[in-house]
mmCIF file of all heavy atoms, coordinates in Angstrom:
data_MODEL
# 
_entry.id   MODEL 
# 
loop_
_atom_site.group_PDB 
_atom_site.id 
_atom_site.type_symbol 
_atom_site.label_atom_id 
_atom_site.label_alt_id 
_atom_site.label_comp_id 
_atom_site.label_asym_id 
_atom_site.label_entity_id 
_atom_site.label_seq_id 
_atom_site.pdbx_PDB_ins_code 
_atom_site.Cartn_x 
_atom_site.Cartn_y 
_atom_site.Cartn_z 
_atom_site.occupancy 
_atom_site.B_iso_or_equiv 
_atom_site.pdbx_formal_charge 
_atom_site.auth_seq_id 
_atom_site.auth_comp_id 
_atom_site.auth_asym_id 
_atom_site.auth_atom_id 
_atom_site.pdbx_PDB_model_num 
ATOM 1   N N   . VAL A 1 1  ? 34.683 21.903 5.638   1.00 0.00 ? 1  VAL A N   1 
ATOM 2   C CA  . VAL A 1 1  ? 33.568 22.824 5.563   1.00 0.00 ? 1  VAL A CA  1 
ATOM 3   C C   . VAL A 1 1  ? 32.371 22.034 5.039   1.00 0.00 ? 1  VAL A C   1 
ATOM 4   O O   . VAL A 1 1  ? 32.441 21.407 3.977   1.00 0.00 ? 1  VAL A O   1 
ATOM 5   C CB  . VAL A 1 1  ? 33.866 24.071 4.704   1.00 0.00 ? 1  VAL A CB  1 
ATOM 6   C CG1 . VAL A 1 1  ? 34.303 23.722 3.287   1.00 0.00 ? 1  VAL A CG1 1 
ATOM 7   C CG2 . VAL A 1 1  ? 32.669 25.009 4.697   1.00 0.00 ? 1  VAL A CG2 1 
ATOM 8   N N   . THR A 1 2  ? 31.281 22.042 5.803   1.00 0.00 ? 2  THR A N   1 
ATOM 9   C CA  . THR A 1 2  ? 30.111 21.245 5.465   1.00 0.00 ? 2  THR A CA  1 
ATOM 10  C C   . THR A 1 2  ? 29.244 21.949 4.439   1.00 0.00 ? 2  THR A C   1 
ATOM 11  O O   . THR A 1 2  ? 29.504 23.079 4.032   1.00 0.00 ? 2  THR A O   1 
ATOM 12  C CB  . THR A 1 2  ? 29.274 20.957 6.717   1.00 0.00 ? 2  THR A CB  1 
ATOM 13  O OG1 . THR A 1 2  ? 28.628 22.170 7.141   1.00 0.00 ? 2  THR A OG1 1 
ATOM 14  C CG2 . THR A 1 2  ? 30.131 20.416 7.850   1.00 0.00 ? 2  THR A CG2 1 
ATOM 15  N N   . THR A 1 3  ? 28.159 21.271 4.048   1.00 0.00 ? 3  THR A N   1 
ATOM 16  C CA  . THR A 1 3  ? 27.220 21.853 3.096   1.00 0.00 ? 3  THR A CA  1 
ATOM 17  C C   . THR A 1 3  ? 26.447 23.023 3.680   1.00 0.00 ? 3  THR A C   1 
ATOM 18  O O   . THR A 1 3  ? 25.842 23.780 2.929   1.00 0.00 ? 3  THR A O   1 
ATOM 19  C CB  . THR A 1 3  ? 26.236 20.799 2.594   1.00 0.00 ? 3  THR A CB  1 
ATOM 20  O OG1 . THR A 1 3  ? 25.549 20.216 3.698   1.00 0.00 ? 3  THR A OG1 1 
ATOM 21  C CG2 . THR A 1 3  ? 26.970 19.704 1.823   1.00 0.00 ? 3  THR A CG2 1 
ATOM 22  N N   . THR A 1 4  ? 26.459 23.162 4.992   1.00 0.00 ? 4  THR A N   1 
ATOM 23  C CA  . THR A 1 4  ? 25.823 24.292 5.654   1.00 0.00 ? 4  THR A CA  1 
ATOM 24  C C   . THR A 1 4  ? 26.843 25.299 6.176   1.00 0.00 ? 4  THR A C   1 
ATOM 25  O O   . THR A 1 4  ? 26.525 26.140 7.011   1.00 0.00 ? 4  THR A O   1 
ATOM 26  C CB  . THR A 1 4  ? 24.919 23.819 6.799   1.00 0.00 ? 4  THR A CB  1 
ATOM 27  O OG1 . THR A 1 4  ? 25.663 22.969 7.680   1.00 0.00 ? 4  THR A OG1 1 
ATOM 28  C CG2 . THR A 1 4  ? 23.734 23.048 6.246   1.00 0.00 ? 4  THR A CG2 1 
ATOM 29  N N   . ASP A 1 5  ? 28.077 25.197 5.704   1.00 0.00 ? 5  ASP A N   1 
ATOM 30  C CA  . ASP A 1 5  ? 29.153 26.140 6.017   1.00 0.00 ? 5  ASP A CA  1 
ATOM 31  C C   . ASP A 1 5  ? 29.646 26.058 7.454   1.00 0.00 ? 5  ASP A C   1 
ATOM 32  O O   . ASP A 1 5  ? 30.274 27.006 7.952   1.00 0.00 ? 5  ASP A O   1 
ATOM 33  C CB  . ASP A 1 5  ? 28.758 27.575 5.675   1.00 0.00 ? 5  ASP A CB  1 
ATOM 34  C CG  . ASP A 1 5  ? 28.773 27.849 4.189   1.00 0.00 ? 5  ASP A CG  1 
ATOM 35  O OD1 . ASP A 1 5  ? 29.610 27.253 3.484   1.00 0.00 ? 5  ASP A OD1 1 
ATOM 36  O OD2 . ASP A 1 5  ? 27.947 28.660 3.731   1.00 0.00 ? 5  ASP A OD2 1 
ATOM 37  N N   . ASP A 1 6  ? 29.382 24.958 8.120   1.00 0.00 ? 6  ASP A N   1 
ATOM 38  C CA  . ASP A 1 6  ? 30.056 24.697 9.382   1.00 0.00 ? 6  ASP A CA  1 
ATOM 39  C C   . ASP A 1 6  ? 31.489 24.269 9.099   1.00 0.00 ? 6  ASP A C   1 
ATOM 40  O O   . ASP A 1 6  ? 31.763 23.616 8.094   1.00 0.00 ? 6  ASP A O   1 
ATOM 41  C CB  . ASP A 1 6  ? 29.341 23.612 10.180  1.00 0.00 ? 6  ASP A CB  1 
ATOM 42  C CG  . ASP A 1 6  ? 27.964 24.040 10.633  1.00 0.00 ? 6  ASP A CG  1 
ATOM 43  O OD1 . ASP A 1 6  ? 27.820 25.182 11.111  1.00 0.00 ? 6  ASP A OD1 1 
ATOM 44  O OD2 . ASP A 1 6  ? 27.029 23.224 10.516  1.00 0.00 ? 6  ASP A OD2 1 
ATOM 45  N N   . THR A 1 7  ? 32.396 24.619 9.983   1.00 0.00 ? 7  THR A N   1 
ATOM 46  C CA  . THR A 1 7  ? 33.803 24.287 9.795   1.00 0.00 ? 7  THR A CA  1 
ATOM 47  C C   . THR A 1 7  ? 34.352 23.543 10.993  1.00 0.00 ? 7  THR A C   1 
ATOM 48  O O   . THR A 1 7  ? 33.903 23.719 12.127  1.00 0.00 ? 7  THR A O   1 
ATOM 49  C CB  . THR A 1 7  ? 34.652 25.539 9.552   1.00 0.00 ? 7  THR A CB  1 
ATOM 50  O OG1 . THR A 1 7  ? 34.500 26.444 10.652  1.00 0.00 ? 7  THR A OG1 1 
ATOM 51  C CG2 . THR A 1 7  ? 34.228 26.224 8.265   1.00 0.00 ? 7  THR A CG2 1 
ATOM 52  N N   . ASN A 1 8  ? 35.335 22.704 10.726  1.00 0.00 ? 8  ASN A N   1 
ATOM 53  C CA  . ASN A 1 8  ? 36.058 21.982 11.757  1.00 0.00 ? 8  ASN A CA  1 
ATOM 54  C C   . ASN A 1 8  ? 37.516 21.897 11.344  1.00 0.00 ? 8  ASN A C   1 
ATOM 55  O O   . ASN A 1 8  ? 37.830 21.805 10.156  1.00 0.00 ? 8  ASN A O   1 
ATOM 56  C CB  . ASN A 1 8  ? 35.496 20.578 11.966  1.00 0.00 ? 8  ASN A CB  1 
ATOM 57  C CG  . ASN A 1 8  ? 34.099 20.577 12.547  1.00 0.00 ? 8  ASN A CG  1 
ATOM 58  O OD1 . ASN A 1 8  ? 33.926 20.783 13.748  1.00 0.00 ? 8  ASN A OD1 1 
ATOM 59  N ND2 . ASN A 1 8  ? 33.103 20.371 11.702  1.00 0.00 ? 8  ASN A ND2 1 
ATOM 60  N N   . TYR A 1 9  ? 38.396 21.905 12.345  1.00 0.00 ? 9  TYR A N   1 
ATOM 61  C CA  . TYR A 1 9  ? 39.827 21.922 12.091  1.00 0.00 ? 9  TYR A CA  1 
ATOM 62  C C   . TYR A 1 9  ? 40.550 20.931 12.981  1.00 0.00 ? 9  TYR A C   1 
ATOM 63  O O   . TYR A 1 9  ? 40.152 20.690 14.122  1.00 0.00 ? 9  TYR A O   1 
ATOM 64  C CB  . TYR A 1 9  ? 40.404 23.314 12.350  1.00 0.00 ? 9  TYR A CB  1 
ATOM 65  C CG  . TYR A 1 9  ? 39.803 24.390 11.495  1.00 0.00 ? 9  TYR A CG  1 
ATOM 66  C CD1 . TYR A 1 9  ? 38.709 25.121 11.940  1.00 0.00 ? 9  TYR A CD1 1 
ATOM 67  C CD2 . TYR A 1 9  ? 40.320 24.677 10.244  1.00 0.00 ? 9  TYR A CD2 1 
ATOM 68  C CE1 . TYR A 1 9  ? 38.146 26.113 11.158  1.00 0.00 ? 9  TYR A CE1 1 
ATOM 69  C CE2 . TYR A 1 9  ? 39.761 25.661 9.450   1.00 0.00 ? 9  TYR A CE2 1 
ATOM 70  C CZ  . TYR A 1 9  ? 38.675 26.376 9.911   1.00 0.00 ? 9  TYR A CZ  1 
ATOM 71  O OH  . TYR A 1 9  ? 38.119 27.357 9.127   1.00 0.00 ? 9  TYR A OH  1 
ATOM 72  N N   . ALA A 1 10 ? 41.622 20.378 12.441  1.00 0.00 ? 10 ALA A N   1 
ATOM 73  C CA  . ALA A 1 10 ? 42.525 19.608 13.278  1.00 0.00 ? 10 ALA A CA  1 
ATOM 74  C C   . ALA A 1 10 ? 43.129 20.512 14.338  1.00 0.00 ? 10 ALA A C   1 
ATOM 75  O O   . ALA A 1 10 ? 43.374 21.700 14.099  1.00 0.00 ? 10 ALA A O   1 
ATOM 76  C CB  . ALA A 1 10 ? 43.618 18.974 12.423  1.00 0.00 ? 10 ALA A CB  1 
ATOM 77  N N   . GLU A 1 11 ? 43.369 19.957 15.499  1.00 0.00 ? 11 GLU A N   1 
ATOM 78  C CA  . GLU A 1 11 ? 43.900 20.748 16.601  1.00 0.00 ? 11 GLU A CA  1 
ATOM 79  C C   . GLU A 1 11 ? 45.216 21.436 16.227  1.00 0.00 ? 11 GLU A C   1 
ATOM 80  O O   . GLU A 1 11 ? 45.472 22.562 16.649  1.00 0.00 ? 11 GLU A O   1 
ATOM 81  C CB  . GLU A 1 11 ? 44.091 19.869 17.841  1.00 0.00 ? 11 GLU A CB  1 
ATOM 82  C CG  . GLU A 1 11 ? 44.425 20.647 19.098  1.00 0.00 ? 11 GLU A CG  1 
ATOM 83  C CD  . GLU A 1 11 ? 43.306 21.554 19.546  1.00 0.00 ? 11 GLU A CD  1 
ATOM 84  O OE1 . GLU A 1 11 ? 42.127 21.227 19.276  1.00 0.00 ? 11 GLU A OE1 1 
ATOM 85  O OE2 . GLU A 1 11 ? 43.593 22.602 20.161  1.00 0.00 ? 11 GLU A OE2 1 
ATOM 86  N N   . SER A 1 12 ? 46.015 20.788 15.419  1.00 0.00 ? 12 SER A N   1 
ATOM 87  C CA  . SER A 1 12 ? 47.324 21.319 15.068  1.00 0.00 ? 12 SER A CA  1 
ATOM 88  C C   . SER A 1 12 ? 47.259 22.582 14.218  1.00 0.00 ? 12 SER A C   1 
ATOM 89  O O   . SER A 1 12 ? 48.244 23.324 14.147  1.00 0.00 ? 12 SER A O   1 
ATOM 90  C CB  . SER A 1 12 ? 48.143 20.252 14.341  1.00 0.00 ? 12 SER A CB  1 
ATOM 91  O OG  . SER A 1 12 ? 47.477 19.818 13.169  1.00 0.00 ? 12 SER A OG  1 
ATOM 92  N N   . VAL A 1 13 ? 46.126 22.837 13.573  1.00 0.00 ? 13 VAL A N   1 
ATOM 93  C CA  . VAL A 1 13 ? 46.006 24.010 12.705  1.00 0.00 ? 13 VAL A CA  1 
ATOM 94  C C   . VAL A 1 13 ? 44.966 24.998 13.191  1.00 0.00 ? 13 VAL A C   1 
ATOM 95  O O   . VAL A 1 13 ? 44.816 26.079 12.595  1.00 0.00 ? 13 VAL A O   1 
ATOM 96  C CB  . VAL A 1 13 ? 45.693 23.607 11.248  1.00 0.00 ? 13 VAL A CB  1 
ATOM 97  C CG1 . VAL A 1 13 ? 46.702 22.584 10.747  1.00 0.00 ? 13 VAL A CG1 1 
ATOM 98  C CG2 . VAL A 1 13 ? 44.269 23.075 11.119  1.00 0.00 ? 13 VAL A CG2 1 
ATOM 99  N N   . LYS A 1 14 ? 44.260 24.679 14.255  1.00 0.00 ? 14 LYS A N   1 
ATOM 100 C CA  . LYS A 1 14 ? 43.197 25.534 14.764  1.00 0.00 ? 14 LYS A CA  1 
ATOM 101 C C   . LYS A 1 14 ? 43.748 26.905 15.127  1.00 0.00 ? 14 LYS A C   1 
ATOM 102 O O   . LYS A 1 14 ? 44.771 27.019 15.804  1.00 0.00 ? 14 LYS A O   1 
ATOM 103 C CB  . LYS A 1 14 ? 42.539 24.870 15.963  1.00 0.00 ? 14 LYS A CB  1 
ATOM 104 C CG  . LYS A 1 14 ? 41.143 25.359 16.277  1.00 0.00 ? 14 LYS A CG  1 
ATOM 105 C CD  . LYS A 1 14 ? 40.464 24.451 17.315  1.00 0.00 ? 14 LYS A CD  1 
ATOM 106 C CE  . LYS A 1 14 ? 40.241 23.049 16.783  1.00 0.00 ? 14 LYS A CE  1 
ATOM 107 N NZ  . LYS A 1 14 ? 39.567 22.171 17.772  1.00 0.00 ? 14 LYS A NZ  1 
ATOM 108 N N   . GLY A 1 15 ? 43.063 27.937 14.668  1.00 0.00 ? 15 GLY A N   1 
ATOM 109 C CA  . GLY A 1 15 ? 43.500 29.295 14.917  1.00 0.00 ? 15 GLY A CA  1 
ATOM 110 C C   . GLY A 1 15 ? 44.457 29.843 13.884  1.00 0.00 ? 15 GLY A C   1 
ATOM 111 O O   . GLY A 1 15 ? 44.701 31.058 13.857  1.00 0.00 ? 15 GLY A O   1 
ATOM 112 N N   . ARG A 1 16 ? 45.003 28.984 13.046  1.00 0.00 ? 16 ARG A N   1 
ATOM 113 C CA  . ARG A 1 16 ? 45.939 29.417 12.012  1.00 0.00 ? 16 ARG A CA  1 
ATOM 114 C C   . ARG A 1 16 ? 45.379 29.238 10.606  1.00 0.00 ? 16 ARG A C   1 
ATOM 115 O O   . ARG A 1 16 ? 45.690 30.025 9.716   1.00 0.00 ? 16 ARG A O   1 
ATOM 116 C CB  . ARG A 1 16 ? 47.253 28.643 12.117  1.00 0.00 ? 16 ARG A CB  1 
ATOM 117 C CG  . ARG A 1 16 ? 47.973 28.838 13.441  1.00 0.00 ? 16 ARG A CG  1 
ATOM 118 C CD  . ARG A 1 16 ? 49.362 28.194 13.408  1.00 0.00 ? 16 ARG A CD  1 
ATOM 119 N NE  . ARG A 1 16 ? 49.278 26.747 13.226  1.00 0.00 ? 16 ARG A NE  1 
ATOM 120 C CZ  . ARG A 1 16 ? 49.829 26.083 12.209  1.00 0.00 ? 16 ARG A CZ  1 
ATOM 121 N NH1 . ARG A 1 16 ? 50.514 26.737 11.282  1.00 0.00 ? 16 ARG A NH1 1 
ATOM 122 N NH2 . ARG A 1 16 ? 49.722 24.760 12.141  1.00 0.00 ? 16 ARG A NH2 1 
ATOM 123 N N   . PHE A 1 17 ? 44.580 28.191 10.396  1.00 0.00 ? 17 PHE A N   1 
ATOM 124 C CA  . PHE A 1 17 ? 44.035 27.871 9.080   1.00 0.00 ? 17 PHE A CA  1 
ATOM 125 C C   . PHE A 1 17 ? 42.549 28.201 9.033   1.00 0.00 ? 17 PHE A C   1 
ATOM 126 O O   . PHE A 1 17 ? 41.837 28.072 10.037  1.00 0.00 ? 17 PHE A O   1 
ATOM 127 C CB  . PHE A 1 17 ? 44.209 26.389 8.759   1.00 0.00 ? 17 PHE A CB  1 
ATOM 128 C CG  . PHE A 1 17 ? 45.619 25.947 8.489   1.00 0.00 ? 17 PHE A CG  1 
ATOM 129 C CD1 . PHE A 1 17 ? 46.711 26.744 8.796   1.00 0.00 ? 17 PHE A CD1 1 
ATOM 130 C CD2 . PHE A 1 17 ? 45.842 24.700 7.921   1.00 0.00 ? 17 PHE A CD2 1 
ATOM 131 C CE1 . PHE A 1 17 ? 48.005 26.318 8.548   1.00 0.00 ? 17 PHE A CE1 1 
ATOM 132 C CE2 . PHE A 1 17 ? 47.136 24.268 7.671   1.00 0.00 ? 17 PHE A CE2 1 
ATOM 133 C CZ  . PHE A 1 17 ? 48.221 25.067 7.981   1.00 0.00 ? 17 PHE A CZ  1 
ATOM 134 N N   . THR A 1 18 ? 42.073 28.587 7.861   1.00 0.00 ? 18 THR A N   1 
ATOM 135 C CA  . THR A 1 18 ? 40.666 28.864 7.641   1.00 0.00 ? 18 THR A CA  1 
ATOM 136 C C   . THR A 1 18 ? 40.222 28.217 6.336   1.00 0.00 ? 18 THR A C   1 
ATOM 137 O O   . THR A 1 18 ? 40.880 28.389 5.304   1.00 0.00 ? 18 THR A O   1 
ATOM 138 C CB  . THR A 1 18 ? 40.376 30.371 7.579   1.00 0.00 ? 18 THR A CB  1 
ATOM 139 O OG1 . THR A 1 18 ? 40.850 31.007 8.773   1.00 0.00 ? 18 THR A OG1 1 
ATOM 140 C CG2 . THR A 1 18 ? 38.883 30.622 7.441   1.00 0.00 ? 18 THR A CG2 1 
ATOM 141 N N   . ILE A 1 19 ? 39.121 27.477 6.380   1.00 0.00 ? 19 ILE A N   1 
ATOM 142 C CA  . ILE A 1 19 ? 38.553 26.855 5.189   1.00 0.00 ? 19 ILE A CA  1 
ATOM 143 C C   . ILE A 1 19 ? 37.229 27.534 4.852   1.00 0.00 ? 19 ILE A C   1 
ATOM 144 O O   . ILE A 1 19 ? 36.457 27.872 5.743   1.00 0.00 ? 19 ILE A O   1 
ATOM 145 C CB  . ILE A 1 19 ? 38.359 25.332 5.391   1.00 0.00 ? 19 ILE A CB  1 
ATOM 146 C CG1 . ILE A 1 19 ? 37.875 24.659 4.095   1.00 0.00 ? 19 ILE A CG1 1 
ATOM 147 C CG2 . ILE A 1 19 ? 37.405 25.048 6.547   1.00 0.00 ? 19 ILE A CG2 1 
ATOM 148 C CD1 . ILE A 1 19 ? 37.834 23.127 4.187   1.00 0.00 ? 19 ILE A CD1 1 
ATOM 149 N N   . TRP A 1 20 ? 36.984 27.766 3.573   1.00 0.00 ? 20 TRP A N   1 
ATOM 150 C CA  . TRP A 1 20 ? 35.686 28.249 3.126   1.00 0.00 ? 20 TRP A CA  1 
ATOM 151 C C   . TRP A 1 20 ? 35.439 27.811 1.693   1.00 0.00 ? 20 TRP A C   1 
ATOM 152 O O   . TRP A 1 20 ? 36.351 27.337 1.019   1.00 0.00 ? 20 TRP A O   1 
ATOM 153 C CB  . TRP A 1 20 ? 35.542 29.759 3.294   1.00 0.00 ? 20 TRP A CB  1 
ATOM 154 C CG  . TRP A 1 20 ? 36.300 30.617 2.315   1.00 0.00 ? 20 TRP A CG  1 
ATOM 155 C CD1 . TRP A 1 20 ? 35.810 31.204 1.177   1.00 0.00 ? 20 TRP A CD1 1 
ATOM 156 C CD2 . TRP A 1 20 ? 37.669 31.012 2.414   1.00 0.00 ? 20 TRP A CD2 1 
ATOM 157 N NE1 . TRP A 1 20 ? 36.797 31.937 0.558   1.00 0.00 ? 20 TRP A NE1 1 
ATOM 158 C CE2 . TRP A 1 20 ? 37.946 31.839 1.301   1.00 0.00 ? 20 TRP A CE2 1 
ATOM 159 C CE3 . TRP A 1 20 ? 38.684 30.757 3.333   1.00 0.00 ? 20 TRP A CE3 1 
ATOM 160 C CZ2 . TRP A 1 20 ? 39.200 32.401 1.079   1.00 0.00 ? 20 TRP A CZ2 1 
ATOM 161 C CZ3 . TRP A 1 20 ? 39.929 31.318 3.114   1.00 0.00 ? 20 TRP A CZ3 1 
ATOM 162 C CH2 . TRP A 1 20 ? 40.180 32.125 2.007   1.00 0.00 ? 20 TRP A CH2 1 
ATOM 163 N N   . ARG A 1 21 ? 34.211 27.958 1.277   1.00 0.00 ? 21 ARG A N   1 
ATOM 164 C CA  . ARG A 1 21 ? 33.821 27.497 -0.042  1.00 0.00 ? 21 ARG A CA  1 
ATOM 165 C C   . ARG A 1 21 ? 33.087 28.595 -0.803  1.00 0.00 ? 21 ARG A C   1 
ATOM 166 O O   . ARG A 1 21 ? 32.400 29.431 -0.209  1.00 0.00 ? 21 ARG A O   1 
ATOM 167 C CB  . ARG A 1 21 ? 32.931 26.250 0.066   1.00 0.00 ? 21 ARG A CB  1 
ATOM 168 C CG  . ARG A 1 21 ? 31.625 26.478 0.827   1.00 0.00 ? 21 ARG A CG  1 
ATOM 169 C CD  . ARG A 1 21 ? 31.035 25.171 1.356   1.00 0.00 ? 21 ARG A CD  1 
ATOM 170 N NE  . ARG A 1 21 ? 30.701 24.260 0.272   1.00 0.00 ? 21 ARG A NE  1 
ATOM 171 C CZ  . ARG A 1 21 ? 30.603 22.951 0.394   1.00 0.00 ? 21 ARG A CZ  1 
ATOM 172 N NH1 . ARG A 1 21 ? 30.820 22.363 1.573   1.00 0.00 ? 21 ARG A NH1 1 
ATOM 173 N NH2 . ARG A 1 21 ? 30.295 22.203 -0.652  1.00 0.00 ? 21 ARG A NH2 1 
ATOM 174 N N   . GLU A 1 22 ? 33.222 28.597 -2.112  1.00 0.00 ? 22 GLU A N   1 
ATOM 175 C CA  . GLU A 1 22 ? 32.457 29.443 -3.006  1.00 0.00 ? 22 GLU A CA  1 
ATOM 176 C C   . GLU A 1 22 ? 31.801 28.505 -4.015  1.00 0.00 ? 22 GLU A C   1 
ATOM 177 O O   . GLU A 1 22 ? 32.369 28.191 -5.057  1.00 0.00 ? 22 GLU A O   1 
ATOM 178 C CB  . GLU A 1 22 ? 33.340 30.477 -3.692  1.00 0.00 ? 22 GLU A CB  1 
ATOM 179 C CG  . GLU A 1 22 ? 33.974 31.453 -2.710  1.00 0.00 ? 22 GLU A CG  1 
ATOM 180 C CD  . GLU A 1 22 ? 34.742 32.562 -3.388  1.00 0.00 ? 22 GLU A CD  1 
ATOM 181 O OE1 . GLU A 1 22 ? 34.560 32.776 -4.608  1.00 0.00 ? 22 GLU A OE1 1 
ATOM 182 O OE2 . GLU A 1 22 ? 35.541 33.233 -2.696  1.00 0.00 ? 22 GLU A OE2 1 
ATOM 183 N N   . ASN A 1 23 ? 30.591 28.074 -3.674  1.00 0.00 ? 23 ASN A N   1 
ATOM 184 C CA  . ASN A 1 23 ? 29.944 27.005 -4.432  1.00 0.00 ? 23 ASN A CA  1 
ATOM 185 C C   . ASN A 1 23 ? 29.691 27.380 -5.889  1.00 0.00 ? 23 ASN A C   1 
ATOM 186 O O   . ASN A 1 23 ? 29.849 26.547 -6.781  1.00 0.00 ? 23 ASN A O   1 
ATOM 187 C CB  . ASN A 1 23 ? 28.628 26.615 -3.768  1.00 0.00 ? 23 ASN A CB  1 
ATOM 188 C CG  . ASN A 1 23 ? 28.821 25.958 -2.418  1.00 0.00 ? 23 ASN A CG  1 
ATOM 189 O OD1 . ASN A 1 23 ? 29.792 25.232 -2.202  1.00 0.00 ? 23 ASN A OD1 1 
ATOM 190 N ND2 . ASN A 1 23 ? 27.885 26.201 -1.505  1.00 0.00 ? 23 ASN A ND2 1 
ATOM 191 N N   . ALA A 1 24 ? 29.276 28.613 -6.129  1.00 0.00 ? 24 ALA A N   1 
ATOM 192 C CA  . ALA A 1 24 ? 28.975 29.037 -7.489  1.00 0.00 ? 24 ALA A CA  1 
ATOM 193 C C   . ALA A 1 24 ? 30.222 29.028 -8.362  1.00 0.00 ? 24 ALA A C   1 
ATOM 194 O O   . ALA A 1 24 ? 30.135 28.823 -9.571  1.00 0.00 ? 24 ALA A O   1 
ATOM 195 C CB  . ALA A 1 24 ? 28.325 30.418 -7.491  1.00 0.00 ? 24 ALA A CB  1 
ATOM 196 N N   . LEU A 1 25 ? 31.372 29.272 -7.760  1.00 0.00 ? 25 LEU A N   1 
ATOM 197 C CA  . LEU A 1 25 ? 32.635 29.246 -8.481  1.00 0.00 ? 25 LEU A CA  1 
ATOM 198 C C   . LEU A 1 25 ? 33.256 27.866 -8.498  1.00 0.00 ? 25 LEU A C   1 
ATOM 199 O O   . LEU A 1 25 ? 34.280 27.668 -9.158  1.00 0.00 ? 25 LEU A O   1 
ATOM 200 C CB  . LEU A 1 25 ? 33.616 30.240 -7.864  1.00 0.00 ? 25 LEU A CB  1 
ATOM 201 C CG  . LEU A 1 25 ? 33.212 31.709 -7.882  1.00 0.00 ? 25 LEU A CG  1 
ATOM 202 C CD1 . LEU A 1 25 ? 34.275 32.552 -7.187  1.00 0.00 ? 25 LEU A CD1 1 
ATOM 203 C CD2 . LEU A 1 25 ? 32.992 32.188 -9.297  1.00 0.00 ? 25 LEU A CD2 1 
ATOM 204 N N   . LYS A 1 26 ? 32.652 26.926 -7.778  1.00 0.00 ? 26 LYS A N   1 
ATOM 205 C CA  . LYS A 1 26 ? 33.151 25.563 -7.663  1.00 0.00 ? 26 LYS A CA  1 
ATOM 206 C C   . LYS A 1 26 ? 34.581 25.557 -7.144  1.00 0.00 ? 26 LYS A C   1 
ATOM 207 O O   . LYS A 1 26 ? 35.461 24.864 -7.662  1.00 0.00 ? 26 LYS A O   1 
ATOM 208 C CB  . LYS A 1 26 ? 33.029 24.822 -8.998  1.00 0.00 ? 26 LYS A CB  1 
ATOM 209 C CG  . LYS A 1 26 ? 31.636 24.906 -9.602  1.00 0.00 ? 26 LYS A CG  1 
ATOM 210 C CD  . LYS A 1 26 ? 31.417 23.954 -10.757 1.00 0.00 ? 26 LYS A CD  1 
ATOM 211 C CE  . LYS A 1 26 ? 31.096 22.571 -10.236 1.00 0.00 ? 26 LYS A CE  1 
ATOM 212 N NZ  . LYS A 1 26 ? 30.549 21.696 -11.307 1.00 0.00 ? 26 LYS A NZ  1 
ATOM 213 N N   . LYS A 1 27 ? 34.794 26.336 -6.079  1.00 0.00 ? 27 LYS A N   1 
ATOM 214 C CA  . LYS A 1 27 ? 36.105 26.440 -5.470  1.00 0.00 ? 27 LYS A CA  1 
ATOM 215 C C   . LYS A 1 27 ? 36.018 26.308 -3.960  1.00 0.00 ? 27 LYS A C   1 
ATOM 216 O O   . LYS A 1 27 ? 35.031 26.697 -3.335  1.00 0.00 ? 27 LYS A O   1 
ATOM 217 C CB  . LYS A 1 27 ? 36.758 27.776 -5.829  1.00 0.00 ? 27 LYS A CB  1 
ATOM 218 C CG  . LYS A 1 27 ? 37.131 27.909 -7.299  1.00 0.00 ? 27 LYS A CG  1 
ATOM 219 C CD  . LYS A 1 27 ? 37.852 29.214 -7.560  1.00 0.00 ? 27 LYS A CD  1 
ATOM 220 C CE  . LYS A 1 27 ? 38.172 29.376 -9.039  1.00 0.00 ? 27 LYS A CE  1 
ATOM 221 N NZ  . LYS A 1 27 ? 39.180 28.378 -9.488  1.00 0.00 ? 27 LYS A NZ  1 
ATOM 222 N N   . VAL A 1 28 ? 37.060 25.759 -3.390  1.00 0.00 ? 28 VAL A N   1 
ATOM 223 C CA  . VAL A 1 28 ? 37.241 25.643 -1.948  1.00 0.00 ? 28 VAL A CA  1 
ATOM 224 C C   . VAL A 1 28 ? 38.630 26.163 -1.628  1.00 0.00 ? 28 VAL A C   1 
ATOM 225 O O   . VAL A 1 28 ? 39.580 25.903 -2.373  1.00 0.00 ? 28 VAL A O   1 
ATOM 226 C CB  . VAL A 1 28 ? 37.074 24.193 -1.466  1.00 0.00 ? 28 VAL A CB  1 
ATOM 227 C CG1 . VAL A 1 28 ? 37.179 24.118 0.049   1.00 0.00 ? 28 VAL A CG1 1 
ATOM 228 C CG2 . VAL A 1 28 ? 35.746 23.622 -1.935  1.00 0.00 ? 28 VAL A CG2 1 
ATOM 229 N N   . TYR A 1 29 ? 38.749 26.859 -0.508  1.00 0.00 ? 29 TYR A N   1 
ATOM 230 C CA  . TYR A 1 29 ? 39.999 27.515 -0.168  1.00 0.00 ? 29 TYR A CA  1 
ATOM 231 C C   . TYR A 1 29 ? 40.500 27.066 1.199   1.00 0.00 ? 29 TYR A C   1 
ATOM 232 O O   . TYR A 1 29 ? 39.724 26.679 2.074   1.00 0.00 ? 29 TYR A O   1 
ATOM 233 C CB  . TYR A 1 29 ? 39.827 29.033 -0.148  1.00 0.00 ? 29 TYR A CB  1 
ATOM 234 C CG  . TYR A 1 29 ? 39.298 29.607 -1.433  1.00 0.00 ? 29 TYR A CG  1 
ATOM 235 C CD1 . TYR A 1 29 ? 37.930 29.775 -1.618  1.00 0.00 ? 29 TYR A CD1 1 
ATOM 236 C CD2 . TYR A 1 29 ? 40.155 29.977 -2.456  1.00 0.00 ? 29 TYR A CD2 1 
ATOM 237 C CE1 . TYR A 1 29 ? 37.432 30.296 -2.794  1.00 0.00 ? 29 TYR A CE1 1 
ATOM 238 C CE2 . TYR A 1 29 ? 39.664 30.502 -3.637  1.00 0.00 ? 29 TYR A CE2 1 
ATOM 239 C CZ  . TYR A 1 29 ? 38.304 30.661 -3.806  1.00 0.00 ? 29 TYR A CZ  1 
ATOM 240 O OH  . TYR A 1 29 ? 37.824 31.182 -4.972  1.00 0.00 ? 29 TYR A OH  1 
ATOM 241 N N   . LEU A 1 30 ? 41.793 27.152 1.384   1.00 0.00 ? 30 LEU A N   1 
ATOM 242 C CA  . LEU A 1 30 ? 42.410 26.964 2.683   1.00 0.00 ? 30 LEU A CA  1 
ATOM 243 C C   . LEU A 1 30 ? 43.439 28.066 2.876   1.00 0.00 ? 30 LEU A C   1 
ATOM 244 O O   . LEU A 1 30 ? 44.484 28.066 2.216   1.00 0.00 ? 30 LEU A O   1 
ATOM 245 C CB  . LEU A 1 30 ? 43.071 25.590 2.800   1.00 0.00 ? 30 LEU A CB  1 
ATOM 246 C CG  . LEU A 1 30 ? 43.651 25.254 4.173   1.00 0.00 ? 30 LEU A CG  1 
ATOM 247 C CD1 . LEU A 1 30 ? 42.535 25.061 5.198   1.00 0.00 ? 30 LEU A CD1 1 
ATOM 248 C CD2 . LEU A 1 30 ? 44.537 24.012 4.105   1.00 0.00 ? 30 LEU A CD2 1 
# 
């Protein structure tokens, strides 16, 4: 997940995994 909230995934996990960030909480999720 980029600094502008664009996302990219490996082909093997595409459609199953989701990444996002909560910058104020200093957390990243998968």
